[in-house]
Amino acid sequence: MSESLGGMTGERNVGGWVLAGLTPKDEISIFMENRAQEYWKRNLRLLFILLSIWFVVSYGFGILLVDWLDTIRIGGFKLGFWFAQQGSQYVFVILIFVYVFKMNKLDKEFGFHEG
């Protein structure tokens, strides 16, 4: 097995993958593309989870489960009414902060952070 030296192409085993005929620049490009795909995959997964939580709180608690939640009172108000009027907005703001925290962590992990 030969190795790539000084810009010459050859065949190398990198992480279980045989890279034949690739320059070091091509290898870096492929590596960065894979990292970017993994970054976006995890970003979209986080978005899906957070938006699902918001959907359950706003649609589920505010519309579908309102009668059941109205049996509970907080501060004199029915809980179903509270979720329909205020709860989903509060949860949305909290989810924004969670998203910022998680994305900053993800950015640092993948080397995309700003500072």
PDB file of N, CA and C in Angstrom:
ATOM      1  N   MET A   1       0.849  -1.164   0.000  1.00  0.00           N
ATOM      2  CA  MET A   1       0.000   0.000   0.000  1.00  0.00           C
ATOM      3  C   MET A   1       0.899   1.232   0.000  1.00  0.00           C
ATOM      4  N   SER A   2       0.641   2.151  -0.895  1.00  0.00           N
ATOM      5  CA  SER A   2       1.428   3.385  -0.952  1.00  0.00           C
ATOM      6  C   SER A   2       0.667   4.493  -0.246  1.00  0.00           C
ATOM      7  N   GLU A   3       1.371   5.547   0.119  1.00  0.00           N
ATOM      8  CA  GLU A   3       0.742   6.668   0.812  1.00  0.00           C
ATOM      9  C   GLU A   3       0.894   7.926  -0.008  1.00  0.00           C
ATOM     10  N   SER A   4      -0.013   8.882   0.270  1.00  0.00           N
ATOM     11  CA  SER A   4       0.014  10.161  -0.421  1.00  0.00           C
ATOM     12  C   SER A   4       1.056  11.051   0.251  1.00  0.00           C
ATOM     13  N   LEU A   5       2.060  11.474  -0.492  1.00  0.00           N
ATOM     14  CA  LEU A   5       3.113  12.319   0.050  1.00  0.00           C
ATOM     15  C   LEU A   5       3.335  13.511  -0.861  1.00  0.00           C
ATOM     16  N   GLY A   6       3.388  14.685  -0.257  1.00  0.00           N
ATOM     17  CA  GLY A   6       3.746  15.874  -1.013  1.00  0.00           C
ATOM     18  C   GLY A   6       2.860  16.139  -2.219  1.00  0.00           C
ATOM     19  N   GLY A   7       1.549  15.902  -2.102  1.00  0.00           N
ATOM     20  CA  GLY A   7       0.630  16.188  -3.196  1.00  0.00           C
ATOM     21  C   GLY A   7       0.504  15.055  -4.196  1.00  0.00           C
ATOM     22  N   MET A   8       1.305  14.019  -4.044  1.00  0.00           N
ATOM     23  CA  MET A   8       1.186  12.875  -4.943  1.00  0.00           C
ATOM     24  C   MET A   8       0.003  12.029  -4.490  1.00  0.00           C
ATOM     25  N   THR A   9      -0.683  11.442  -5.451  1.00  0.00           N
ATOM     26  CA  THR A   9      -1.827  10.630  -5.090  1.00  0.00           C
ATOM     27  C   THR A   9      -1.411   9.183  -4.947  1.00  0.00           C
ATOM     28  N   GLY A  10      -2.138   8.461  -4.134  1.00  0.00           N
ATOM     29  CA  GLY A  10      -1.864   7.048  -3.915  1.00  0.00           C
ATOM     30  C   GLY A  10      -3.073   6.426  -3.253  1.00  0.00           C
ATOM     31  N   GLU A  11      -2.859   5.333  -2.591  1.00  0.00           N
ATOM     32  CA  GLU A  11      -3.951   4.653  -1.911  1.00  0.00           C
ATOM     33  C   GLU A  11      -3.633   4.612  -0.436  1.00  0.00           C
ATOM     34  N   ARG A  12      -4.604   5.083   0.376  1.00  0.00           N
ATOM     35  CA  ARG A  12      -4.403   5.094   1.823  1.00  0.00           C
ATOM     36  C   ARG A  12      -5.659   4.595   2.506  1.00  0.00           C
ATOM     37  N   ASN A  13      -5.464   4.030   3.677  1.00  0.00           N
ATOM     38  CA  ASN A  13      -6.575   3.582   4.501  1.00  0.00           C
ATOM     39  C   ASN A  13      -6.749   4.618   5.605  1.00  0.00           C
ATOM     40  N   VAL A  14      -7.883   5.331   5.576  1.00  0.00           N
ATOM     41  CA  VAL A  14      -8.163   6.359   6.566  1.00  0.00           C
ATOM     42  C   VAL A  14      -9.490   6.031   7.225  1.00  0.00           C
ATOM     43  N   GLY A  15      -9.440   5.675   8.496  1.00  0.00           N
ATOM     44  CA  GLY A  15     -10.653   5.375   9.230  1.00  0.00           C
ATOM     45  C   GLY A  15     -11.454   4.238   8.639  1.00  0.00           C
ATOM     46  N   GLY A  16     -10.798   3.256   8.048  1.00  0.00           N
ATOM     47  CA  GLY A  16     -11.488   2.130   7.458  1.00  0.00           C
ATOM     48  C   GLY A  16     -11.884   2.348   6.007  1.00  0.00           C
ATOM     49  N   TRP A  17     -11.687   3.552   5.498  1.00  0.00           N
ATOM     50  CA  TRP A  17     -12.000   3.867   4.103  1.00  0.00           C
ATOM     51  C   TRP A  17     -10.719   3.865   3.300  1.00  0.00           C
ATOM     52  N   VAL A  18     -10.734   3.237   2.168  1.00  0.00           N
ATOM     53  CA  VAL A  18      -9.568   3.262   1.294  1.00  0.00           C
ATOM     54  C   VAL A  18      -9.728   4.450   0.356  1.00  0.00           C
ATOM     55  N   LEU A  19      -8.808   5.387   0.477  1.00  0.00           N
ATOM     56  CA  LEU A  19      -8.839   6.589  -0.349  1.00  0.00           C
ATOM     57  C   LEU A  19      -7.820   6.422  -1.460  1.00  0.00           C
ATOM     58  N   ALA A  20      -8.297   6.154  -2.639  1.00  0.00           N
ATOM     59  CA  ALA A  20      -7.409   5.936  -3.771  1.00  0.00           C
ATOM     60  C   ALA A  20      -7.520   7.106  -4.730  1.00  0.00           C
ATOM     61  N   GLY A  21      -6.391   7.666  -5.101  1.00  0.00           N
ATOM     62  CA  GLY A  21      -6.361   8.716  -6.102  1.00  0.00           C
ATOM     63  C   GLY A  21      -6.837  10.069  -5.601  1.00  0.00           C
ATOM     64  N   LEU A  22      -6.886  10.278  -4.285  1.00  0.00           N
ATOM     65  CA  LEU A  22      -7.330  11.558  -3.752  1.00  0.00           C
ATOM     66  C   LEU A  22      -6.143  12.348  -3.223  1.00  0.00           C
ATOM     67  N   THR A  23      -6.156  13.617  -3.504  1.00  0.00           N
ATOM     68  CA  THR A  23      -5.132  14.491  -2.937  1.00  0.00           C
ATOM     69  C   THR A  23      -5.532  14.835  -1.516  1.00  0.00           C
ATOM     70  N   PRO A  24      -4.608  15.301  -0.702  1.00  0.00           N
ATOM     71  CA  PRO A  24      -4.965  15.716   0.659  1.00  0.00           C
ATOM     72  C   PRO A  24      -6.061  16.790   0.670  1.00  0.00           C
ATOM     73  N   LYS A  25      -6.061  17.668  -0.323  1.00  0.00           N
ATOM     74  CA  LYS A  25      -7.098  18.697  -0.403  1.00  0.00           C
ATOM     75  C   LYS A  25      -8.474  18.062  -0.623  1.00  0.00           C
ATOM     76  N   ASP A  26      -8.538  17.030  -1.480  1.00  0.00           N
ATOM     77  CA  ASP A  26      -9.794  16.320  -1.709  1.00  0.00           C
ATOM     78  C   ASP A  26     -10.260  15.615  -0.443  1.00  0.00           C
ATOM     79  N   GLU A  27      -9.334  15.036   0.294  1.00  0.00           N
ATOM     80  CA  GLU A  27      -9.668  14.338   1.527  1.00  0.00           C
ATOM     81  C   GLU A  27     -10.270  15.309   2.540  1.00  0.00           C
ATOM     82  N   ILE A  28      -9.668  16.479   2.654  1.00  0.00           N
ATOM     83  CA  ILE A  28     -10.176  17.491   3.582  1.00  0.00           C
ATOM     84  C   ILE A  28     -11.565  17.942   3.153  1.00  0.00           C
ATOM     85  N   SER A  29     -11.752  18.113   1.862  1.00  0.00           N
ATOM     86  CA  SER A  29     -13.050  18.533   1.343  1.00  0.00           C
ATOM     87  C   SER A  29     -14.141  17.514   1.662  1.00  0.00           C
ATOM     88  N   ILE A  30     -13.837  16.237   1.478  1.00  0.00           N
ATOM     89  CA  ILE A  30     -14.797  15.176   1.773  1.00  0.00           C
ATOM     90  C   ILE A  30     -15.091  15.144   3.267  1.00  0.00           C
ATOM     91  N   PHE A  31     -14.038  15.276   4.094  1.00  0.00           N
ATOM     92  CA  PHE A  31     -14.207  15.273   5.542  1.00  0.00           C
ATOM     93  C   PHE A  31     -15.101  16.430   5.983  1.00  0.00           C
ATOM     94  N   MET A  32     -14.859  17.634   5.456  1.00  0.00           N
ATOM     95  CA  MET A  32     -15.650  18.806   5.833  1.00  0.00           C
ATOM     96  C   MET A  32     -17.099  18.675   5.367  1.00  0.00           C
ATOM     97  N   GLU A  33     -17.308  18.091   4.201  1.00  0.00           N
ATOM     98  CA  GLU A  33     -18.663  17.887   3.701  1.00  0.00           C
ATOM     99  C   GLU A  33     -19.422  16.931   4.605  1.00  0.00           C
ATOM    100  N   ASN A  34     -18.764  15.864   5.044  1.00  0.00           N
ATOM    101  CA  ASN A  34     -19.399  14.916   5.963  1.00  0.00           C
ATOM    102  C   ASN A  34     -19.716  15.572   7.305  1.00  0.00           C
ATOM    103  N   ARG A  35     -18.805  16.405   7.791  1.00  0.00           N
ATOM    104  CA  ARG A  35     -19.039  17.122   9.052  1.00  0.00           C
ATOM    105  C   ARG A  35     -20.208  18.078   8.925  1.00  0.00           C
ATOM    106  N   ALA A  36     -20.285  18.776   7.797  1.00  0.00           N
ATOM    107  CA  ALA A  36     -21.392  19.715   7.579  1.00  0.00           C
ATOM    108  C   ALA A  36     -22.721  18.971   7.504  1.00  0.00           C
ATOM    109  N   GLN A  37     -22.731  17.810   6.852  1.00  0.00           N
ATOM    110  CA  GLN A  37     -23.963  17.024   6.776  1.00  0.00           C
ATOM    111  C   GLN A  37     -24.393  16.549   8.161  1.00  0.00           C
ATOM    112  N   GLU A  38     -23.452  16.107   8.961  1.00  0.00           N
ATOM    113  CA  GLU A  38     -23.769  15.661  10.317  1.00  0.00           C
ATOM    114  C   GLU A  38     -24.269  16.838  11.163  1.00  0.00           C
ATOM    115  N   TYR A  39     -23.648  18.000  10.998  1.00  0.00           N
ATOM    116  CA  TYR A  39     -24.068  19.207  11.713  1.00  0.00           C
ATOM    117  C   TYR A  39     -25.524  19.532  11.389  1.00  0.00           C
ATOM    118  N   TRP A  40     -25.883  19.568  10.107  1.00  0.00           N
ATOM    119  CA  TRP A  40     -27.246  19.913   9.711  1.00  0.00           C
ATOM    120  C   TRP A  40     -28.237  18.828  10.114  1.00  0.00           C
ATOM    121  N   LYS A  41     -27.812  17.586  10.088  1.00  0.00           N
ATOM    122  CA  LYS A  41     -28.679  16.491  10.524  1.00  0.00           C
ATOM    123  C   LYS A  41     -29.052  16.676  11.993  1.00  0.00           C
ATOM    124  N   ARG A  42     -28.069  16.993  12.816  1.00  0.00           N
ATOM    125  CA  ARG A  42     -28.322  17.189  14.246  1.00  0.00           C
ATOM    126  C   ARG A  42     -29.098  18.480  14.502  1.00  0.00           C
ATOM    127  N   ASN A  43     -28.841  19.513  13.701  1.00  0.00           N
ATOM    128  CA  ASN A  43     -29.582  20.767  13.818  1.00  0.00           C
ATOM    129  C   ASN A  43     -31.064  20.536  13.508  1.00  0.00           C
ATOM    130  N   LEU A  44     -31.355  19.835  12.422  1.00  0.00           N
ATOM    131  CA  LEU A  44     -32.742  19.573  12.042  1.00  0.00           C
ATOM    132  C   LEU A  44     -33.435  18.671  13.056  1.00  0.00           C
ATOM    133  N   ARG A  45     -32.685  17.726  13.628  1.00  0.00           N
ATOM    134  CA  ARG A  45     -33.257  16.861  14.662  1.00  0.00           C
ATOM    135  C   ARG A  45     -33.661  17.694  15.874  1.00  0.00           C
ATOM    136  N   LEU A  46     -32.804  18.618  16.293  1.00  0.00           N
ATOM    137  CA  LEU A  46     -33.116  19.499  17.417  1.00  0.00           C
ATOM    138  C   LEU A  46     -34.339  20.355  17.100  1.00  0.00           C
ATOM    139  N   LEU A  47     -34.389  20.920  15.904  1.00  0.00           N
ATOM    140  CA  LEU A  47     -35.550  21.720  15.508  1.00  0.00           C
ATOM    141  C   LEU A  47     -36.829  20.906  15.557  1.00  0.00           C
ATOM    142  N   PHE A  48     -36.789  19.692  15.043  1.00  0.00           N
ATOM    143  CA  PHE A  48     -37.967  18.835  15.047  1.00  0.00           C
ATOM    144  C   PHE A  48     -38.445  18.563  16.472  1.00  0.00           C
ATOM    145  N   ILE A  49     -37.521  18.261  17.368  1.00  0.00           N
ATOM    146  CA  ILE A  49     -37.885  17.978  18.760  1.00  0.00           C
ATOM    147  C   ILE A  49     -38.512  19.198  19.418  1.00  0.00           C
ATOM    148  N   LEU A  50     -37.872  20.365  19.258  1.00  0.00           N
ATOM    149  CA  LEU A  50     -38.380  21.573  19.903  1.00  0.00           C
ATOM    150  C   LEU A  50     -39.724  22.009  19.325  1.00  0.00           C
ATOM    151  N   LEU A  51     -39.879  21.926  18.016  1.00  0.00           N
ATOM    152  CA  LEU A  51     -41.155  22.295  17.413  1.00  0.00           C
ATOM    153  C   LEU A  51     -42.252  21.297  17.767  1.00  0.00           C
ATOM    154  N   SER A  52     -41.887  20.038  17.956  1.00  0.00           N
ATOM    155  CA  SER A  52     -42.865  19.042  18.398  1.00  0.00           C
ATOM    156  C   SER A  52     -43.361  19.360  19.807  1.00  0.00           C
ATOM    157  N   ILE A  53     -42.441  19.764  20.678  1.00  0.00           N
ATOM    158  CA  ILE A  53     -42.833  20.161  22.029  1.00  0.00           C
ATOM    159  C   ILE A  53     -43.783  21.353  21.972  1.00  0.00           C
ATOM    160  N   TRP A  54     -43.448  22.337  21.156  1.00  0.00           N
ATOM    161  CA  TRP A  54     -44.302  23.516  21.043  1.00  0.00           C
ATOM    162  C   TRP A  54     -45.680  23.140  20.483  1.00  0.00           C
ATOM    163  N   PHE A  55     -45.717  22.248  19.506  1.00  0.00           N
ATOM    164  CA  PHE A  55     -46.987  21.804  18.934  1.00  0.00           C
ATOM    165  C   PHE A  55     -47.850  21.122  19.988  1.00  0.00           C
ATOM    166  N   VAL A  56     -47.248  20.239  20.760  1.00  0.00           N
ATOM    167  CA  VAL A  56     -48.003  19.519  21.794  1.00  0.00           C
ATOM    168  C   VAL A  56     -48.558  20.501  22.816  1.00  0.00           C
ATOM    169  N   VAL A  57     -47.735  21.469  23.221  1.00  0.00           N
ATOM    170  CA  VAL A  57     -48.186  22.440  24.222  1.00  0.00           C
ATOM    171  C   VAL A  57     -49.271  23.349  23.653  1.00  0.00           C
ATOM    172  N   SER A  58     -49.059  23.884  22.457  1.00  0.00           N
ATOM    173  CA  SER A  58     -50.021  24.849  21.924  1.00  0.00           C
ATOM    174  C   SER A  58     -51.278  24.183  21.378  1.00  0.00           C
ATOM    175  N   TYR A  59     -51.133  23.146  20.598  1.00  0.00           N
ATOM    176  CA  TYR A  59     -52.298  22.500  19.993  1.00  0.00           C
ATOM    177  C   TYR A  59     -52.902  21.456  20.934  1.00  0.00           C
ATOM    178  N   GLY A  60     -52.045  20.640  21.513  1.00  0.00           N
ATOM    179  CA  GLY A  60     -52.531  19.573  22.386  1.00  0.00           C
ATOM    180  C   GLY A  60     -53.146  20.106  23.667  1.00  0.00           C
ATOM    181  N   PHE A  61     -52.390  20.912  24.407  1.00  0.00           N
ATOM    182  CA  PHE A  61     -52.888  21.418  25.682  1.00  0.00           C
ATOM    183  C   PHE A  61     -53.909  22.536  25.491  1.00  0.00           C
ATOM    184  N   GLY A  62     -53.715  23.366  24.469  1.00  0.00           N
ATOM    185  CA  GLY A  62     -54.591  24.518  24.269  1.00  0.00           C
ATOM    186  C   GLY A  62     -55.891  24.198  23.569  1.00  0.00           C
ATOM    187  N   ILE A  63     -55.964  23.092  22.815  1.00  0.00           N
ATOM    188  CA  ILE A  63     -57.178  22.775  22.053  1.00  0.00           C
ATOM    189  C   ILE A  63     -57.715  21.380  22.394  1.00  0.00           C
ATOM    190  N   LEU A  64     -56.880  20.363  22.217  1.00  0.00           N
ATOM    191  CA  LEU A  64     -57.365  18.988  22.373  1.00  0.00           C
ATOM    192  C   LEU A  64     -57.632  18.599  23.826  1.00  0.00           C
ATOM    193  N   LEU A  65     -56.764  18.971  24.730  1.00  0.00           N
ATOM    194  CA  LEU A  65     -56.890  18.571  26.132  1.00  0.00           C
ATOM    195  C   LEU A  65     -57.459  19.670  27.017  1.00  0.00           C
ATOM    196  N   VAL A  66     -58.050  20.696  26.404  1.00  0.00           N
ATOM    197  CA  VAL A  66     -58.500  21.852  27.169  1.00  0.00           C
ATOM    198  C   VAL A  66     -59.561  21.479  28.208  1.00  0.00           C
ATOM    199  N   ASP A  67     -60.497  20.612  27.861  1.00  0.00           N
ATOM    200  CA  ASP A  67     -61.553  20.244  28.815  1.00  0.00           C
ATOM    201  C   ASP A  67     -60.972  19.507  30.023  1.00  0.00           C
ATOM    202  N   TRP A  68     -60.049  18.604  29.779  1.00  0.00           N
ATOM    203  CA  TRP A  68     -59.412  17.872  30.875  1.00  0.00           C
ATOM    204  C   TRP A  68     -58.582  18.811  31.751  1.00  0.00           C
ATOM    205  N   LEU A  69     -57.831  19.728  31.105  1.00  0.00           N
ATOM    206  CA  LEU A  69     -56.990  20.662  31.860  1.00  0.00           C
ATOM    207  C   LEU A  69     -57.815  21.711  32.599  1.00  0.00           C
ATOM    208  N   ASP A  70     -59.034  21.981  32.132  1.00  0.00           N
ATOM    209  CA  ASP A  70     -59.881  22.966  32.804  1.00  0.00           C
ATOM    210  C   ASP A  70     -60.332  22.509  34.182  1.00  0.00           C
ATOM    211  N   THR A  71     -60.161  21.238  34.492  1.00  0.00           N
ATOM    212  CA  THR A  71     -60.508  20.755  35.835  1.00  0.00           C
ATOM    213  C   THR A  71     -59.485  21.209  36.869  1.00  0.00           C
ATOM    214  N   ILE A  72     -58.336  21.683  36.403  1.00  0.00           N
ATOM    215  CA  ILE A  72     -57.271  22.167  37.287  1.00  0.00           C
ATOM    216  C   ILE A  72     -57.269  23.688  37.241  1.00  0.00           C
ATOM    217  N   ARG A  73     -57.185  24.313  38.402  1.00  0.00           N
ATOM    218  CA  ARG A  73     -57.166  25.780  38.468  1.00  0.00           C
ATOM    219  C   ARG A  73     -55.840  26.251  39.062  1.00  0.00           C
ATOM    220  N   ILE A  74     -55.288  27.299  38.430  1.00  0.00           N
ATOM    221  CA  ILE A  74     -54.062  27.939  38.933  1.00  0.00           C
ATOM    222  C   ILE A  74     -54.345  29.436  39.002  1.00  0.00           C
ATOM    223  N   GLY A  75     -54.247  29.993  40.192  1.00  0.00           N
ATOM    224  CA  GLY A  75     -54.500  31.420  40.371  1.00  0.00           C
ATOM    225  C   GLY A  75     -55.917  31.818  39.997  1.00  0.00           C
ATOM    226  N   GLY A  76     -56.844  30.893  40.148  1.00  0.00           N
ATOM    227  CA  GLY A  76     -58.239  31.183  39.840  1.00  0.00           C
ATOM    228  C   GLY A  76     -58.605  30.959  38.379  1.00  0.00           C
ATOM    229  N   PHE A  77     -57.638  30.667  37.547  1.00  0.00           N
ATOM    230  CA  PHE A  77     -57.911  30.451  36.120  1.00  0.00           C
ATOM    231  C   PHE A  77     -57.817  28.967  35.786  1.00  0.00           C
ATOM    232  N   LYS A  78     -58.645  28.558  34.851  1.00  0.00           N
ATOM    233  CA  LYS A  78     -58.595  27.177  34.391  1.00  0.00           C
ATOM    234  C   LYS A  78     -57.296  26.957  33.620  1.00  0.00           C
ATOM    235  N   LEU A  79     -56.647  25.824  33.879  1.00  0.00           N
ATOM    236  CA  LEU A  79     -55.340  25.550  33.267  1.00  0.00           C
ATOM    237  C   LEU A  79     -55.435  25.443  31.742  1.00  0.00           C
ATOM    238  N   GLY A  80     -56.517  24.876  31.220  1.00  0.00           N
ATOM    239  CA  GLY A  80     -56.691  24.786  29.768  1.00  0.00           C
ATOM    240  C   GLY A  80     -56.761  26.155  29.136  1.00  0.00           C
ATOM    241  N   PHE A  81     -57.486  27.076  29.782  1.00  0.00           N
ATOM    242  CA  PHE A  81     -57.564  28.462  29.294  1.00  0.00           C
ATOM    243  C   PHE A  81     -56.178  29.108  29.328  1.00  0.00           C
ATOM    244  N   TRP A  82     -55.437  28.866  30.426  1.00  0.00           N
ATOM    245  CA  TRP A  82     -54.112  29.466  30.563  1.00  0.00           C
ATOM    246  C   TRP A  82     -53.182  28.992  29.452  1.00  0.00           C
ATOM    247  N   PHE A  83     -53.187  27.679  29.171  1.00  0.00           N
ATOM    248  CA  PHE A  83     -52.339  27.162  28.093  1.00  0.00           C
ATOM    249  C   PHE A  83     -52.745  27.747  26.754  1.00  0.00           C
ATOM    250  N   ALA A  84     -54.048  27.878  26.519  1.00  0.00           N
ATOM    251  CA  ALA A  84     -54.508  28.418  25.239  1.00  0.00           C
ATOM    252  C   ALA A  84     -54.116  29.887  25.081  1.00  0.00           C
ATOM    253  N   GLN A  85     -54.125  30.644  26.174  1.00  0.00           N
ATOM    254  CA  GLN A  85     -53.881  32.085  26.084  1.00  0.00           C
ATOM    255  C   GLN A  85     -52.421  32.472  26.330  1.00  0.00           C
ATOM    256  N   GLN A  86     -51.766  31.846  27.279  1.00  0.00           N
ATOM    257  CA  GLN A  86     -50.427  32.268  27.680  1.00  0.00           C
ATOM    258  C   GLN A  86     -49.371  31.175  27.600  1.00  0.00           C
ATOM    259  N   GLY A  87     -49.746  29.976  27.965  1.00  0.00           N
ATOM    260  CA  GLY A  87     -48.779  28.892  28.129  1.00  0.00           C
ATOM    261  C   GLY A  87     -47.945  28.602  26.906  1.00  0.00           C
ATOM    262  N   SER A  88     -48.581  28.543  25.738  1.00  0.00           N
ATOM    263  CA  SER A  88     -47.818  28.215  24.534  1.00  0.00           C
ATOM    264  C   SER A  88     -46.814  29.309  24.195  1.00  0.00           C
ATOM    265  N   GLN A  89     -47.151  30.551  24.507  1.00  0.00           N
ATOM    266  CA  GLN A  89     -46.211  31.648  24.255  1.00  0.00           C
ATOM    267  C   GLN A  89     -45.008  31.561  25.189  1.00  0.00           C
ATOM    268  N   TYR A  90     -45.253  31.280  26.456  1.00  0.00           N
ATOM    269  CA  TYR A  90     -44.148  31.122  27.410  1.00  0.00           C
ATOM    270  C   TYR A  90     -43.254  29.949  27.027  1.00  0.00           C
ATOM    271  N   VAL A  91     -43.879  28.847  26.665  1.00  0.00           N
ATOM    272  CA  VAL A  91     -43.103  27.669  26.263  1.00  0.00           C
ATOM    273  C   VAL A  91     -42.280  27.985  25.023  1.00  0.00           C
ATOM    274  N   PHE A  92     -42.845  28.724  24.072  1.00  0.00           N
ATOM    275  CA  PHE A  92     -42.110  29.095  22.864  1.00  0.00           C
ATOM    276  C   PHE A  92     -40.874  29.917  23.205  1.00  0.00           C
ATOM    277  N   VAL A  93     -41.014  30.887  24.085  1.00  0.00           N
ATOM    278  CA  VAL A  93     -39.859  31.713  24.481  1.00  0.00           C
ATOM    279  C   VAL A  93     -38.811  30.854  25.176  1.00  0.00           C
ATOM    280  N   ILE A  94     -39.232  29.950  26.039  1.00  0.00           N
ATOM    281  CA  ILE A  94     -38.292  29.044  26.708  1.00  0.00           C
ATOM    282  C   ILE A  94     -37.577  28.175  25.683  1.00  0.00           C
ATOM    283  N   LEU A  95     -38.320  27.675  24.689  1.00  0.00           N
ATOM    284  CA  LEU A  95     -37.713  26.834  23.649  1.00  0.00           C
ATOM    285  C   LEU A  95     -36.701  27.612  22.809  1.00  0.00           C
ATOM    286  N   ILE A  96     -36.907  28.900  22.632  1.00  0.00           N
ATOM    287  CA  ILE A  96     -35.918  29.724  21.923  1.00  0.00           C
ATOM    288  C   ILE A  96     -34.604  29.718  22.693  1.00  0.00           C
ATOM    289  N   PHE A  97     -34.668  29.918  23.999  1.00  0.00           N
ATOM    290  CA  PHE A  97     -33.453  29.906  24.814  1.00  0.00           C
ATOM    291  C   PHE A  97     -32.787  28.526  24.813  1.00  0.00           C
ATOM    292  N   VAL A  98     -33.592  27.475  24.858  1.00  0.00           N
ATOM    293  CA  VAL A  98     -33.049  26.108  24.787  1.00  0.00           C
ATOM    294  C   VAL A  98     -32.348  25.908  23.449  1.00  0.00           C
ATOM    295  N   TYR A  99     -32.973  26.374  22.361  1.00  0.00           N
ATOM    296  CA  TYR A  99     -32.371  26.237  21.034  1.00  0.00           C
ATOM    297  C   TYR A  99     -31.035  26.977  20.952  1.00  0.00           C
ATOM    298  N   VAL A 100     -30.982  28.195  21.468  1.00  0.00           N
ATOM    299  CA  VAL A 100     -29.736  28.968  21.445  1.00  0.00           C
ATOM    300  C   VAL A 100     -28.647  28.252  22.233  1.00  0.00           C
ATOM    301  N   PHE A 101     -28.981  27.756  23.418  1.00  0.00           N
ATOM    302  CA  PHE A 101     -28.011  27.043  24.245  1.00  0.00           C
ATOM    303  C   PHE A 101     -27.491  25.796  23.535  1.00  0.00           C
ATOM    304  N   LYS A 102     -28.427  24.976  23.009  1.00  0.00           N
ATOM    305  CA  LYS A 102     -28.027  23.729  22.341  1.00  0.00           C
ATOM    306  C   LYS A 102     -27.246  23.998  21.062  1.00  0.00           C
ATOM    307  N   MET A 103     -27.624  25.019  20.300  1.00  0.00           N
ATOM    308  CA  MET A 103     -26.919  25.316  19.054  1.00  0.00           C
ATOM    309  C   MET A 103     -25.517  25.861  19.333  1.00  0.00           C
ATOM    310  N   ASN A 104     -25.360  26.665  20.372  1.00  0.00           N
ATOM    311  CA  ASN A 104     -24.017  27.123  20.734  1.00  0.00           C
ATOM    312  C   ASN A 104     -23.126  25.937  21.099  1.00  0.00           C
ATOM    313  N   LYS A 105     -23.696  24.989  21.815  1.00  0.00           N
ATOM    314  CA  LYS A 105     -22.952  23.770  22.166  1.00  0.00           C
ATOM    315  C   LYS A 105     -22.596  22.969  20.910  1.00  0.00           C
ATOM    316  N   LEU A 106     -23.548  22.830  19.993  1.00  0.00           N
ATOM    317  CA  LEU A 106     -23.323  22.110  18.743  1.00  0.00           C
ATOM    318  C   LEU A 106     -22.292  22.832  17.867  1.00  0.00           C
ATOM    319  N   ASP A 107     -22.386  24.159  17.813  1.00  0.00           N
ATOM    320  CA  ASP A 107     -21.417  24.952  17.039  1.00  0.00           C
ATOM    321  C   ASP A 107     -19.996  24.738  17.555  1.00  0.00           C
ATOM    322  N   LYS A 108     -19.840  24.736  18.873  1.00  0.00           N
ATOM    323  CA  LYS A 108     -18.515  24.517  19.448  1.00  0.00           C
ATOM    324  C   LYS A 108     -18.004  23.113  19.135  1.00  0.00           C
ATOM    325  N   GLU A 109     -18.895  22.132  19.203  1.00  0.00           N
ATOM    326  CA  GLU A 109     -18.509  20.753  18.924  1.00  0.00           C
ATOM    327  C   GLU A 109     -18.003  20.593  17.490  1.00  0.00           C
ATOM    328  N   PHE A 110     -18.627  21.307  16.557  1.00  0.00           N
ATOM    329  CA  PHE A 110     -18.256  21.171  15.143  1.00  0.00           C
ATOM    330  C   PHE A 110     -17.311  22.273  14.670  1.00  0.00           C
ATOM    331  N   GLY A 111     -16.904  23.164  15.558  1.00  0.00           N
ATOM    332  CA  GLY A 111     -15.950  24.201  15.205  1.00  0.00           C
ATOM    333  C   GLY A 111     -16.553  25.356  14.415  1.00  0.00           C
ATOM    334  N   PHE A 112     -17.857  25.592  14.571  1.00  0.00           N
ATOM    335  CA  PHE A 112     -18.514  26.678  13.855  1.00  0.00           C
ATOM    336  C   PHE A 112     -18.841  27.858  14.763  1.00  0.00           C
ATOM    337  N   HIS A 113     -18.353  27.838  15.998  1.00  0.00           N
ATOM    338  CA  HIS A 113     -18.702  28.912  16.942  1.00  0.00           C
ATOM    339  C   HIS A 113     -18.016  30.218  16.548  1.00  0.00           C
ATOM    340  N   GLU A 114     -18.548  31.307  17.081  1.00  0.00           N
ATOM    341  CA  GLU A 114     -18.100  32.648  16.691  1.00  0.00           C
ATOM    342  C   GLU A 114     -17.013  33.216  17.586  1.00  0.00           C
ATOM    343  N   GLY A 115     -16.547  32.526  18.520  1.00  0.00           N
ATOM    344  CA  GLY A 115     -15.551  33.162  19.365  1.00  0.00           C
ATOM    345  C   GLY A 115     -14.966  32.224  20.287  1.00  0.00           C
TER     346      GLY A 115
END
